[in-house]
Protein backbone atom coordinates (compact mmCIF):
# COMPACT_ATOMS: atom_id res chain seq x y z
CA UNK A 1 -34.22 -3.66 7.86
CA UNK A 2 -30.64 -3.49 9.16
CA UNK A 3 -29.34 -0.09 10.22
CA UNK A 4 -26.52 0.72 7.70
CA UNK A 5 -24.51 3.18 9.79
CA UNK A 6 -21.35 1.22 10.35
CA UNK A 7 -18.31 2.57 8.51
CA UNK A 8 -16.79 0.30 5.91
CA UNK A 9 -13.56 0.06 7.89
CA UNK A 10 -15.40 -0.97 11.08
CA UNK A 11 -17.50 -3.48 9.17
CA UNK A 12 -14.39 -5.05 7.75
CA UNK A 13 -12.77 -5.21 11.13
CA UNK A 14 -15.85 -6.78 12.64
CA UNK A 15 -15.99 -9.31 9.79
CA UNK A 16 -12.39 -10.25 10.41
CA UNK A 17 -13.41 -11.17 13.98
CA UNK A 18 -15.43 -14.04 12.43
CA UNK A 19 -12.33 -15.51 10.74
CA UNK A 20 -9.27 -14.54 12.85
CA UNK A 21 -9.20 -17.66 14.99
CA UNK A 22 -9.52 -19.96 12.02
CA UNK A 23 -6.83 -18.61 9.57
CA UNK A 24 -4.12 -16.01 9.38
CA UNK A 25 -4.68 -12.50 8.00
CA UNK A 26 -3.18 -13.32 4.61
CA UNK A 27 -5.92 -15.93 4.11
CA UNK A 28 -8.99 -14.14 5.57
CA UNK A 29 -8.01 -11.01 3.67
CA UNK A 30 -8.96 -12.88 0.44
CA UNK A 31 -12.43 -13.72 1.74
CA UNK A 32 -13.17 -10.18 2.97
CA UNK A 33 -11.94 -8.51 -0.20
CA UNK A 34 -13.82 -11.00 -2.37
CA UNK A 35 -17.08 -10.38 -0.45
CA UNK A 36 -16.62 -6.64 -0.43
CA UNK A 37 -16.05 -6.72 -4.15
CA UNK A 38 -19.15 -8.89 -4.66
CA UNK A 39 -21.28 -6.58 -2.46
CA UNK A 40 -20.00 -3.53 -4.34
CA UNK A 41 -21.06 -5.07 -7.68
CA UNK A 42 -24.43 -6.18 -6.29
CA UNK A 43 -25.30 -2.82 -4.63
CA UNK A 44 -24.44 -0.84 -7.72
CA UNK A 45 -26.39 -3.17 -10.00
CA UNK A 46 -29.57 -2.83 -7.83
CA UNK A 47 -29.48 0.92 -7.82
CA UNK A 48 -28.67 1.15 -11.49
CA UNK A 49 -31.58 -1.14 -12.36
CA UNK A 50 -33.93 1.09 -10.31
CA UNK A 51 -32.56 4.18 -12.09
CA UNK A 52 -33.13 2.55 -15.52
CA UNK A 53 -36.68 1.80 -14.45
CA UNK A 54 -37.08 5.46 -13.28
CA UNK A 55 -37.59 4.42 -9.62
CA UNK A 56 -36.12 5.99 -6.56
CA UNK A 57 -35.60 3.40 -3.78
CA UNK A 58 -34.75 4.60 -0.33
CA UNK A 59 -32.52 1.65 0.41
CA UNK A 60 -31.21 -1.62 -1.01
CA UNK A 61 -34.17 -3.60 0.19
CA UNK A 62 -36.55 -1.45 -1.88
CA UNK A 63 -34.19 -1.62 -4.84
CA UNK A 64 -34.16 -5.46 -4.53
CA UNK A 65 -38.00 -5.56 -4.67
CA UNK A 66 -38.08 -3.32 -7.75
CA UNK A 67 -35.51 -5.49 -9.45
CA UNK A 68 -37.38 -8.71 -8.66
CA UNK A 69 -40.80 -7.42 -9.87
CA UNK A 70 -39.43 -6.17 -13.16
CA UNK A 71 -37.24 -9.21 -13.69
CA UNK A 72 -40.35 -11.33 -13.69
CA UNK A 73 -41.82 -9.21 -16.48
CA UNK A 74 -40.71 -10.85 -19.77
CA UNK A 75 -41.08 -7.60 -21.75
CA UNK A 76 -38.87 -5.67 -19.40
CA UNK A 77 -36.33 -8.26 -18.33
CA UNK A 78 -34.37 -8.62 -21.54
CA UNK A 79 -34.04 -4.92 -22.08
CA UNK A 80 -33.06 -4.34 -18.44
CA UNK A 81 -30.39 -7.07 -18.50
CA UNK A 82 -29.01 -5.74 -21.77
CA UNK A 83 -28.65 -2.24 -20.36
CA UNK A 84 -26.97 -3.51 -17.20
CA UNK A 85 -24.57 -5.70 -19.21
CA UNK A 86 -23.69 -2.73 -21.44
CA UNK A 87 -23.13 -0.47 -18.45
CA UNK A 88 -21.27 -2.69 -16.07
CA UNK A 89 -20.27 -5.73 -18.05
CA UNK A 90 -22.03 -8.16 -15.65
CA UNK A 91 -25.58 -9.09 -14.49
CA UNK A 92 -27.00 -11.00 -11.57
CA UNK A 93 -30.31 -12.69 -11.27
CA UNK A 94 -32.47 -11.32 -8.39
CA UNK A 95 -31.81 -14.34 -6.10
CA UNK A 96 -27.99 -13.94 -6.62
CA UNK A 97 -27.68 -10.39 -5.25
CA UNK A 98 -25.97 -9.73 -1.91
CA UNK A 99 -29.24 -8.33 -0.55
CA UNK A 100 -31.19 -11.47 -1.60
CA UNK A 101 -28.64 -13.80 0.00
CA UNK A 102 -28.72 -11.75 3.24
CA UNK A 103 -32.47 -12.25 3.35
CA UNK A 104 -31.95 -16.02 3.05
CA UNK A 105 -29.32 -15.90 5.72
CA UNK A 106 -31.70 -14.13 8.06
CA UNK A 107 -34.38 -16.72 7.19
CA UNK A 108 -31.86 -19.59 7.65
CA UNK A 109 -32.47 -20.87 4.17
CA UNK A 110 -29.05 -19.89 2.66
CA UNK A 111 -26.76 -22.47 1.14
CA UNK A 112 -23.17 -21.74 0.04
CA UNK A 113 -23.77 -23.13 -3.49
CA UNK A 114 -25.98 -20.09 -4.15
CA UNK A 115 -23.08 -17.74 -3.41
CA UNK A 116 -20.70 -19.86 -5.52
CA UNK A 117 -23.13 -19.70 -8.45
CA UNK A 118 -23.32 -15.84 -8.08
CA UNK A 119 -19.51 -15.67 -8.23
CA UNK A 120 -19.49 -17.87 -11.40
CA UNK A 121 -22.12 -15.69 -13.09
CA UNK A 122 -20.15 -12.60 -12.53
CA UNK A 123 -16.88 -14.14 -13.70
CA UNK A 124 -18.56 -15.42 -16.87
CA UNK A 125 -20.23 -12.10 -17.70
CA UNK A 126 -17.08 -10.56 -19.20
CA UNK A 127 -13.38 -11.44 -19.51
CA UNK A 128 -12.49 -8.54 -17.13
CA UNK A 129 -14.06 -10.56 -14.30
CA UNK A 130 -12.51 -13.97 -15.14
CA UNK A 131 -10.92 -15.68 -12.12
CA UNK A 132 -11.50 -12.78 -9.71
CA UNK A 133 -13.08 -14.98 -7.02
CA UNK A 134 -10.54 -17.85 -7.36
CA UNK A 135 -9.16 -17.16 -3.93
CA UNK A 136 -12.52 -17.19 -2.15
CA UNK A 137 -12.67 -20.89 -1.52
CA UNK A 138 -16.10 -21.39 0.06
CA UNK A 139 -15.51 -25.15 0.53
CA UNK A 140 -12.22 -24.76 2.46
CA UNK A 141 -12.09 -26.70 5.78
CA UNK A 142 -10.49 -23.61 7.24
CA UNK A 143 -13.96 -22.10 7.25
CA UNK A 144 -15.28 -25.13 9.14
CA UNK A 145 -15.08 -28.89 9.26
CA UNK A 146 -18.44 -29.51 7.65
CA UNK A 147 -20.79 -27.71 5.17
CA UNK A 148 -23.02 -26.34 7.97
CA UNK A 149 -20.09 -24.74 9.81
CA UNK A 150 -18.80 -23.18 6.62
CA UNK A 151 -22.23 -21.98 5.77
CA UNK A 152 -22.60 -20.39 9.22
CA UNK A 153 -19.21 -18.66 9.14
CA UNK A 154 -19.65 -17.15 5.72
CA UNK A 155 -23.19 -16.06 6.78
CA UNK A 156 -21.79 -14.28 9.86
CA UNK A 157 -19.16 -12.46 7.73
CA UNK A 158 -21.76 -11.35 5.20
CA UNK A 159 -24.06 -10.09 7.91
CA UNK A 160 -21.28 -7.95 9.27
CA UNK A 161 -20.54 -6.46 5.85
CA UNK A 162 -24.22 -5.96 5.17
CA UNK A 163 -24.20 -3.07 7.63
CA UNK A 164 -22.59 -0.86 4.95
CA UNK A 165 -24.29 0.34 1.80
CA UNK A 166 -21.29 0.58 -0.55
CA UNK A 167 -23.05 2.88 -2.98
CA UNK A 168 -22.77 5.63 -0.32
CA UNK A 169 -19.09 5.76 -1.22
CA UNK A 170 -17.78 7.15 -4.50
CA UNK A 171 -15.53 4.99 -6.59
CA UNK A 172 -12.37 6.68 -5.25
CA UNK A 173 -13.62 6.69 -1.66
CA UNK A 174 -14.25 2.95 -1.83
CA UNK A 175 -10.84 2.41 -3.31
CA UNK A 176 -9.37 4.29 -0.45
CA UNK A 177 -11.21 2.12 2.01
CA UNK A 178 -10.07 -0.95 0.04
CA UNK A 179 -6.42 0.14 0.50
CA UNK A 180 -7.12 0.96 4.17
CA UNK A 181 -8.19 -2.67 4.60
CA UNK A 182 -4.96 -3.92 3.13
CA UNK A 183 -3.00 -1.54 5.30
CA UNK A 184 -4.71 -2.52 8.51
CA UNK A 185 -4.31 -6.18 7.93
CA UNK A 186 -0.73 -5.86 6.65
CA UNK A 187 0.55 -5.57 10.17
CA UNK A 188 -1.08 -8.93 10.98
CA UNK A 189 -0.02 -10.59 7.72
CA UNK A 190 3.61 -9.43 8.06
CA UNK A 191 5.81 -9.54 5.04
CA UNK A 192 3.23 -11.18 2.75
CA UNK A 193 0.87 -8.19 3.02
CA UNK A 194 3.66 -5.59 2.92
CA UNK A 195 4.76 -6.97 -0.38
CA UNK A 196 1.71 -5.51 -2.12
CA UNK A 197 1.03 -2.47 -0.03
CA UNK A 198 2.73 0.91 -0.40
CA UNK A 199 1.71 3.45 2.34
CA UNK A 200 -0.51 6.07 0.83
CA UNK A 201 1.77 9.01 1.72
CA UNK A 202 4.73 7.36 -0.06
CA UNK A 203 2.52 6.55 -3.00
CA UNK A 204 1.31 10.16 -3.21
CA UNK A 205 4.88 11.57 -3.03
CA UNK A 206 6.15 9.30 -5.82
CA UNK A 207 3.21 9.97 -8.06
CA UNK A 208 3.19 13.78 -7.57
CA UNK A 209 6.85 13.88 -8.58
CA UNK A 210 6.56 11.55 -11.53
CA UNK A 211 3.46 13.26 -13.02
CA UNK A 212 4.90 16.82 -12.89
CA UNK A 213 4.55 18.40 -16.31
CA UNK A 214 2.29 15.62 -17.49
CA UNK A 215 -0.91 16.48 -15.65
CA UNK A 216 -2.72 17.56 -18.79
CA UNK A 217 -1.51 14.78 -21.08
CA UNK A 218 -4.25 12.78 -22.77
CA UNK A 219 -3.44 9.07 -22.98
CA UNK A 220 -0.86 9.16 -20.15
CA UNK A 221 0.83 5.77 -19.75
CA UNK A 222 1.81 4.51 -16.31
CA UNK A 223 3.80 1.34 -15.65
CA UNK A 224 4.49 -0.67 -12.47
CA UNK A 225 6.35 -3.95 -13.04
CA UNK A 226 5.93 -4.96 -9.39
CA UNK A 227 2.41 -3.59 -9.06
CA UNK A 228 1.01 -5.44 -6.06
CA UNK A 229 -2.53 -4.17 -5.43
CA UNK A 230 -2.16 -1.44 -8.06
CA UNK A 231 -2.28 1.48 -5.66
CA UNK A 232 0.77 3.20 -7.20
CA UNK A 233 -0.72 2.92 -10.64
CA UNK A 234 -4.14 4.28 -9.58
CA UNK A 235 -2.60 7.26 -7.83
CA UNK A 236 -2.00 8.79 -11.26
CA UNK A 237 -5.71 9.12 -11.61
CA UNK A 238 -5.85 11.40 -8.57
CA UNK A 239 -3.29 13.86 -9.96
CA UNK A 240 -4.07 13.89 -13.68
CA UNK A 241 -6.35 16.42 -15.28
CA UNK A 242 -7.34 13.75 -17.79
CA UNK A 243 -8.10 10.88 -15.36
CA UNK A 244 -10.31 8.95 -17.71
CA UNK A 245 -7.62 8.89 -20.41
CA UNK A 246 -4.88 7.07 -18.56
CA UNK A 247 -3.54 3.71 -19.59
CA UNK A 248 -2.25 1.37 -16.91
CA UNK A 249 0.35 -1.40 -17.38
CA UNK A 250 1.58 -3.73 -14.74
CA UNK A 251 3.14 -7.05 -14.02
CA UNK A 252 2.83 -9.13 -10.80
CA UNK A 253 4.33 -12.54 -9.95
CA UNK A 254 1.70 -13.41 -7.34
CA UNK A 255 -1.66 -14.47 -8.93
CA UNK A 256 -3.70 -13.60 -5.85
CA UNK A 257 -2.18 -10.16 -5.64
CA UNK A 258 -2.76 -9.64 -9.37
CA UNK A 259 -6.46 -10.33 -8.83
CA UNK A 260 -6.53 -7.76 -6.05
CA UNK A 261 -5.16 -5.21 -8.51
CA UNK A 262 -7.79 -6.12 -11.04
CA UNK A 263 -10.51 -5.70 -8.43
CA UNK A 264 -8.99 -2.42 -7.44
CA UNK A 265 -9.11 -1.13 -11.05
CA UNK A 266 -12.80 -2.06 -11.30
CA UNK A 267 -13.57 -0.35 -7.99
CA UNK A 268 -11.92 2.75 -9.43
CA UNK A 269 -13.96 2.53 -12.68
CA UNK A 270 -10.99 1.80 -14.93
CA UNK A 271 -12.23 0.23 -18.15
CA UNK A 272 -10.74 -3.00 -19.47
CA UNK A 273 -9.38 -1.13 -22.54
CA UNK A 274 -7.27 1.08 -20.28
CA UNK A 275 -5.54 -1.70 -18.30
CA UNK A 276 -3.03 -4.25 -19.48
CA UNK A 277 -1.70 -6.55 -16.77
CA UNK A 278 0.30 -9.73 -16.81
CA UNK A 279 1.01 -12.51 -14.27
CA UNK A 280 4.77 -13.15 -14.43
CA UNK A 281 8.23 -12.68 -12.98
CA UNK A 282 9.42 -9.24 -13.99
CA UNK A 283 13.17 -9.93 -13.89
CA UNK A 284 13.15 -13.38 -15.45
CA UNK A 285 10.57 -12.60 -18.06
CA UNK A 286 10.73 -9.05 -19.49
CA UNK A 287 7.38 -7.47 -20.31
CA UNK A 288 6.00 -5.67 -22.21
CA UNK A 289 7.86 -6.52 -25.39
CA UNK A 290 5.12 -5.32 -27.81
CA UNK A 291 4.07 -1.71 -28.26
CA UNK A 292 3.98 0.23 -26.15
CA UNK A 293 7.25 -0.80 -24.34
CA UNK A 294 8.18 2.55 -22.87
CA UNK A 295 6.06 4.70 -20.57
CA UNK A 296 5.49 8.26 -19.37
CA UNK A 297 5.68 7.26 -15.73
CA UNK A 298 7.30 4.24 -14.12
CA UNK A 299 6.41 3.77 -10.39
CA UNK A 300 7.93 0.91 -8.41
CA UNK A 301 8.06 -0.46 -4.86
CA UNK A 302 9.82 -3.80 -5.46
CA UNK A 303 10.60 -6.34 -2.74
CA UNK A 304 13.78 -5.14 -0.97
CA UNK A 305 17.00 -7.02 -1.48
CA UNK A 306 15.26 -10.00 -2.97
CA UNK A 307 17.23 -12.89 -4.47
CA UNK A 308 17.31 -13.47 -8.23
CA UNK A 309 19.20 -15.77 -10.62
CA UNK A 310 21.70 -13.20 -11.90
CA UNK A 311 22.38 -15.67 -14.80
CA UNK A 312 25.17 -14.67 -17.16
CA UNK A 313 22.53 -14.80 -19.93
CA UNK A 314 21.25 -11.49 -18.61
CA UNK A 315 24.47 -9.81 -19.76
CA UNK A 316 22.94 -10.08 -23.26
CA UNK A 317 19.63 -8.76 -22.07
CA UNK A 318 19.06 -5.19 -23.37
CA UNK A 319 17.84 -4.15 -19.91
CA UNK A 320 21.15 -4.95 -18.24
CA UNK A 321 23.79 -5.23 -21.00
CA UNK A 322 24.77 -1.51 -21.06
CA UNK A 323 25.98 -1.57 -17.46
CA UNK A 324 28.67 -4.19 -17.77
CA UNK A 325 27.88 -6.07 -14.59
CA UNK A 326 24.78 -7.73 -13.09
CA UNK A 327 23.41 -6.98 -9.61
CA UNK A 328 24.40 -9.71 -7.10
CA UNK A 329 22.28 -12.78 -6.71
CA UNK A 330 21.52 -11.85 -3.07
CA UNK A 331 20.25 -8.39 -3.88
CA UNK A 332 18.01 -7.66 -6.90
CA UNK A 333 17.44 -3.99 -6.02
CA UNK A 334 19.34 -2.61 -9.03
CA UNK A 335 17.93 -5.33 -11.33
CA UNK A 336 14.45 -3.93 -10.61
CA UNK A 337 15.68 -0.38 -11.05
CA UNK A 338 17.34 -1.15 -14.42
CA UNK A 339 14.23 -2.96 -15.62
CA UNK A 340 12.04 -0.01 -14.82
CA UNK A 341 14.44 2.49 -16.32
CA UNK A 342 14.67 0.45 -19.51
CA UNK A 343 10.90 0.88 -19.92
CA UNK A 344 10.85 4.65 -19.35
CA UNK A 345 10.16 6.99 -22.19
CA UNK A 346 12.90 9.52 -23.11
CA UNK A 347 10.80 12.42 -21.67
CA UNK A 348 9.37 10.25 -18.80
CA UNK A 349 10.01 10.22 -15.08
CA UNK A 350 10.63 7.13 -12.89
CA UNK A 351 10.23 6.91 -9.06
CA UNK A 352 11.32 3.77 -7.20
CA UNK A 353 11.53 2.92 -3.46
CA UNK A 354 14.60 1.01 -2.37
CA UNK A 355 16.67 0.42 0.74
CA UNK A 356 19.56 2.87 1.39
CA UNK A 357 22.18 0.27 0.50
CA UNK A 358 21.80 0.98 -3.19
CA UNK A 359 23.31 4.44 -2.55
CA UNK A 360 26.65 3.25 -1.36
CA UNK A 361 27.18 -0.49 -1.65
CA UNK A 362 30.38 -1.62 -3.41
CA UNK A 363 31.12 -4.27 -6.06
CA UNK A 364 28.86 -4.72 -9.02
CA UNK A 365 26.27 -2.25 -7.61
CA UNK A 366 28.95 0.46 -7.43
CA UNK A 367 29.70 -0.13 -11.10
CA UNK A 368 26.03 0.10 -12.09
CA UNK A 369 25.59 3.22 -9.95
CA UNK A 370 28.62 4.90 -11.57
CA UNK A 371 27.27 4.12 -15.02
CA UNK A 372 23.87 5.57 -14.19
CA UNK A 373 25.47 8.76 -12.76
CA UNK A 374 27.80 9.18 -15.76
CA UNK A 375 24.72 9.09 -17.97
CA UNK A 376 22.85 11.57 -15.86
CA UNK A 377 20.08 9.05 -15.17
CA UNK A 378 19.82 9.67 -11.38
CA UNK A 379 18.03 12.98 -10.94
CA UNK A 380 17.05 13.04 -7.21
CA UNK A 381 17.63 10.98 -4.05
CA UNK A 382 15.08 11.37 -1.22
CA UNK A 383 15.70 9.87 2.15
CA UNK A 384 12.47 8.75 3.85
CA UNK A 385 11.72 8.27 7.56
CA UNK A 386 12.16 4.83 9.09
CA UNK A 387 9.21 2.70 10.15
CA UNK A 388 6.89 3.84 7.30
CA UNK A 389 6.22 0.42 5.84
CA UNK A 390 4.31 -2.43 7.40
CA UNK A 391 6.80 -5.10 6.67
CA UNK A 392 10.04 -3.34 7.61
CA UNK A 393 11.15 -0.65 9.95
CA UNK A 394 14.26 0.29 7.97
CA UNK A 395 14.55 3.75 6.41
CA UNK A 396 14.12 3.72 2.64
CA UNK A 397 14.89 6.05 -0.21
CA UNK A 398 13.01 7.24 -3.31
CA UNK A 399 15.25 7.55 -6.35
CA UNK A 400 14.01 9.67 -9.24
CA UNK A 401 15.43 8.74 -12.65
CA UNK A 402 15.16 10.52 -15.99
CA UNK A 403 16.58 10.16 -19.49
CA UNK A 404 18.09 12.81 -21.74
CA UNK A 405 18.92 15.29 -19.01
CA UNK A 406 20.83 18.47 -19.65
CA UNK A 407 23.27 17.84 -16.76
CA UNK A 408 24.43 15.25 -14.34
CA UNK A 409 23.90 16.91 -10.96
CA UNK A 410 21.87 15.12 -8.25
CA UNK A 411 19.36 16.68 -5.79
CA UNK A 412 19.62 15.19 -2.33
CA UNK A 413 16.65 15.63 0.08
CA UNK A 414 16.92 14.37 3.66
CA UNK A 415 13.27 13.88 4.65
CA UNK A 416 14.07 11.41 7.44
CA UNK A 417 12.55 13.71 10.10
CA UNK A 418 9.40 14.47 8.09
CA UNK A 419 6.85 12.31 9.91
CA UNK A 420 4.57 12.11 12.88
CA UNK A 421 4.25 9.04 15.09
CA UNK A 422 0.97 7.22 15.12
CA UNK A 423 1.05 4.40 17.63
CA UNK A 424 3.90 2.11 16.58
CA UNK A 425 4.01 3.45 12.97
CA UNK A 426 5.52 6.58 11.52
CA UNK A 427 3.36 8.45 8.98
CA UNK A 428 3.94 11.40 6.63
CA UNK A 429 1.14 13.92 6.30
CA UNK A 430 0.29 16.25 3.46
CA UNK A 431 2.48 19.04 4.97
CA UNK A 432 5.54 16.75 4.85
CA UNK A 433 4.82 15.71 1.27
CA UNK A 434 4.31 19.30 0.02
CA UNK A 435 7.62 20.40 1.69
CA UNK A 436 9.44 17.65 -0.29
CA UNK A 437 7.57 18.48 -3.49
CA UNK A 438 8.42 22.22 -3.30
CA UNK A 439 12.04 21.43 -2.57
CA UNK A 440 12.12 19.08 -5.57
CA UNK A 441 10.62 21.76 -7.85
CA UNK A 442 12.97 24.52 -6.62
CA UNK A 443 16.08 22.36 -6.73
CA UNK A 444 17.98 24.58 -4.33
CA UNK A 445 20.01 24.31 -1.19
CA UNK A 446 17.99 24.16 1.97
CA UNK A 447 19.96 24.10 5.23
CA UNK A 448 19.96 20.65 6.85
CA UNK A 449 17.35 19.46 4.34
CA UNK A 450 18.43 19.65 0.65
CA UNK A 451 21.61 19.90 -1.44
CA UNK A 452 22.35 19.90 -5.15
CA UNK A 453 25.60 18.03 -5.82
CA UNK A 454 27.39 18.76 -9.02
CA UNK A 455 28.78 15.78 -10.88
CA UNK A 456 32.36 16.59 -10.09
CA UNK A 457 31.55 16.46 -6.35
CA UNK A 458 29.94 13.03 -6.81
CA UNK A 459 33.02 11.77 -8.62
CA UNK A 460 35.19 13.07 -5.70
CA UNK A 461 33.04 10.96 -3.41
CA UNK A 462 33.69 7.93 -5.58
CA UNK A 463 30.07 7.85 -6.84
CA UNK A 464 28.87 7.26 -3.31
CA UNK A 465 25.32 8.69 -2.87
CA UNK A 466 24.94 8.27 0.83
CA UNK A 467 22.77 11.19 1.79
CA UNK A 468 24.74 12.40 4.90
CA UNK A 469 27.78 12.99 2.60
CA UNK A 470 25.80 15.77 0.98
CA UNK A 471 23.10 17.00 3.41
CA UNK A 472 24.62 18.07 6.76
CA UNK A 473 21.97 17.60 9.39
CA UNK A 474 24.29 18.03 12.39
CA UNK A 475 22.79 20.23 15.06
CA UNK A 476 25.25 22.17 17.29
CA UNK A 477 24.43 21.23 20.92
CA UNK A 478 23.28 24.08 23.12
CA UNK A 479 26.07 25.39 25.39
CA UNK A 480 25.96 24.10 28.98
CA UNK A 481 25.59 26.70 31.78
CA UNK A 482 28.05 25.29 34.22
CA UNK A 483 27.07 27.62 37.07
CA UNK A 484 23.41 26.74 36.76
CA UNK A 485 24.23 23.03 36.41
CA UNK A 486 26.19 23.22 39.76
CA UNK A 487 23.22 24.86 41.47
CA UNK A 488 20.90 22.21 40.05
CA UNK A 489 23.09 19.40 41.37
CA UNK A 490 23.24 20.95 44.87
CA UNK A 491 19.44 21.22 44.93
CA UNK A 492 19.06 17.57 43.86
CA UNK A 493 21.56 16.51 46.58
CA UNK A 494 19.56 18.41 49.22
CA UNK A 495 16.32 16.82 47.97
CA UNK A 496 17.89 13.34 48.05
CA UNK A 497 19.23 13.89 51.66
CA UNK A 498 15.82 15.04 52.80
CA UNK A 499 14.06 12.02 51.23
CA UNK A 500 16.70 9.65 52.72
CA UNK A 501 16.02 10.98 56.26
CA UNK A 502 12.24 10.69 55.76
CA UNK A 503 12.61 7.08 54.50
CA UNK A 504 14.93 6.02 57.39
CA UNK A 505 12.48 7.61 59.84
CA UNK A 506 9.67 5.51 58.34
CA UNK A 507 11.85 2.42 58.65
CA UNK A 508 12.43 3.13 62.41
CA UNK A 509 8.65 3.17 62.93
CA UNK A 510 8.34 -0.35 61.51
CA UNK A 511 7.75 -3.16 63.99
CA UNK A 512 10.85 -5.36 64.08
CA UNK A 513 10.34 -9.07 64.30
CA UNK A 514 12.70 -12.04 63.98
CA UNK A 515 11.29 -12.65 60.42
CA UNK A 516 11.91 -9.05 59.09
CA UNK A 517 14.82 -7.80 61.24
CA UNK A 518 17.44 -8.97 58.71
CA UNK A 519 15.64 -7.36 55.75
CA UNK A 520 15.15 -4.07 57.55
CA UNK A 521 18.77 -3.85 58.66
CA UNK A 522 19.91 -4.55 55.11
CA UNK A 523 17.69 -1.72 53.70
CA UNK A 524 18.93 0.75 56.31
CA UNK A 525 22.57 -0.11 55.51
CA UNK A 526 22.00 0.84 51.87
CA UNK A 527 20.87 4.34 52.80
CA UNK A 528 23.32 5.13 55.59
């Protein structure tokens, strides 16, 4: 029996070693996530079957034997499969489990068609699983030029992952590891991975703010129209006191990324009745248009300064029509913001991450910004540290929007220094997040950190929301002690003269030859 002591993160990293030289991270990510998801489903099914049979296996191998023995009993099999289907919405035959396939791999009797069949059986068990393994192309020549090479490569990856019993992790812990995987590989995948990954600290900060006052709400609705892997949506579960009564809505233009979000929901035990997702372009194709269309929380991390059509037809679109002008074709930042704001409930809260340019750029964006400010829509502007995201080093801002506010002031928080450096990436820890949250709640002046600007002051600044206009972070330089500085310079000069004499003395001791005389004389001339 294999020793299952490897952490999930390490197993994933080791598995990636089997694929790195054959494809880029954005491709091998799909294989790893698909196989992790399959193993998760298989491991849970085996232990659940043993539980239903009132058995207590010590490991997956024992659970597999129990499952096989009872599956071959006609009287037990149908009842067992029915219970598993009702519990999880899928079943696997004993020879299709991850554990069974590993045994075949070890015996060198495994064929890829068996794994393909297992994927198909899961997908056909329930509509929630349809198409989830579409991106795991087991016949791709990137895995190998012939069936045997492809067979060997997938076998090696599965053996690496087999070192982890995924049932040792709770649903949330596995979801965290799943996001860790995306985060780790985002740096290799570049922009493609960054498009669907929001750093956990940023996700936590946005969610904690948006859920304030709604923690006890039953039937809380959360919407992300650029949802990526769904991490922003799922964060609501961590901070709600009614986590099993949340309804998630999301749209994603990339089909592969949409499937990642669907897997992520399953890994976090979100039922199909609580999730409503759509594959589509959020700006070109508004959704949802049927009830519900407005939500308690809107959370967004859209692609920064993306291009969009900005067709004049959008001036008749209810999302954009009230603002008189459309965001420019070259920068869709405000288009995403207005879409999310349109779908916010009157008593809801929206949090969106955008580049700082939206705070001060001119033209159509200035007109839209002025309109939002005059309506009291912009509640808070939070400046984040640079180099937080995998796909860009630029500093970003979180904008908090609300409807039906009593006033039109804006809270500015300069959190650009709230980070710790981890290797080449900046990260925010829980202390940084709590400092921002408390400042947001108190809504008071904090020297060099926060400022509440009244609407009249914003008008005086021509509706420019650039944070340094409101939060003064200038630090007075410490006075220079001229006397001490003079003494330090004299000491340095003495030390330099001493070192020069020692060096020239060493040069005099060198043996001078015709080959090195010219070089030695040149060096001495520099120091004399």
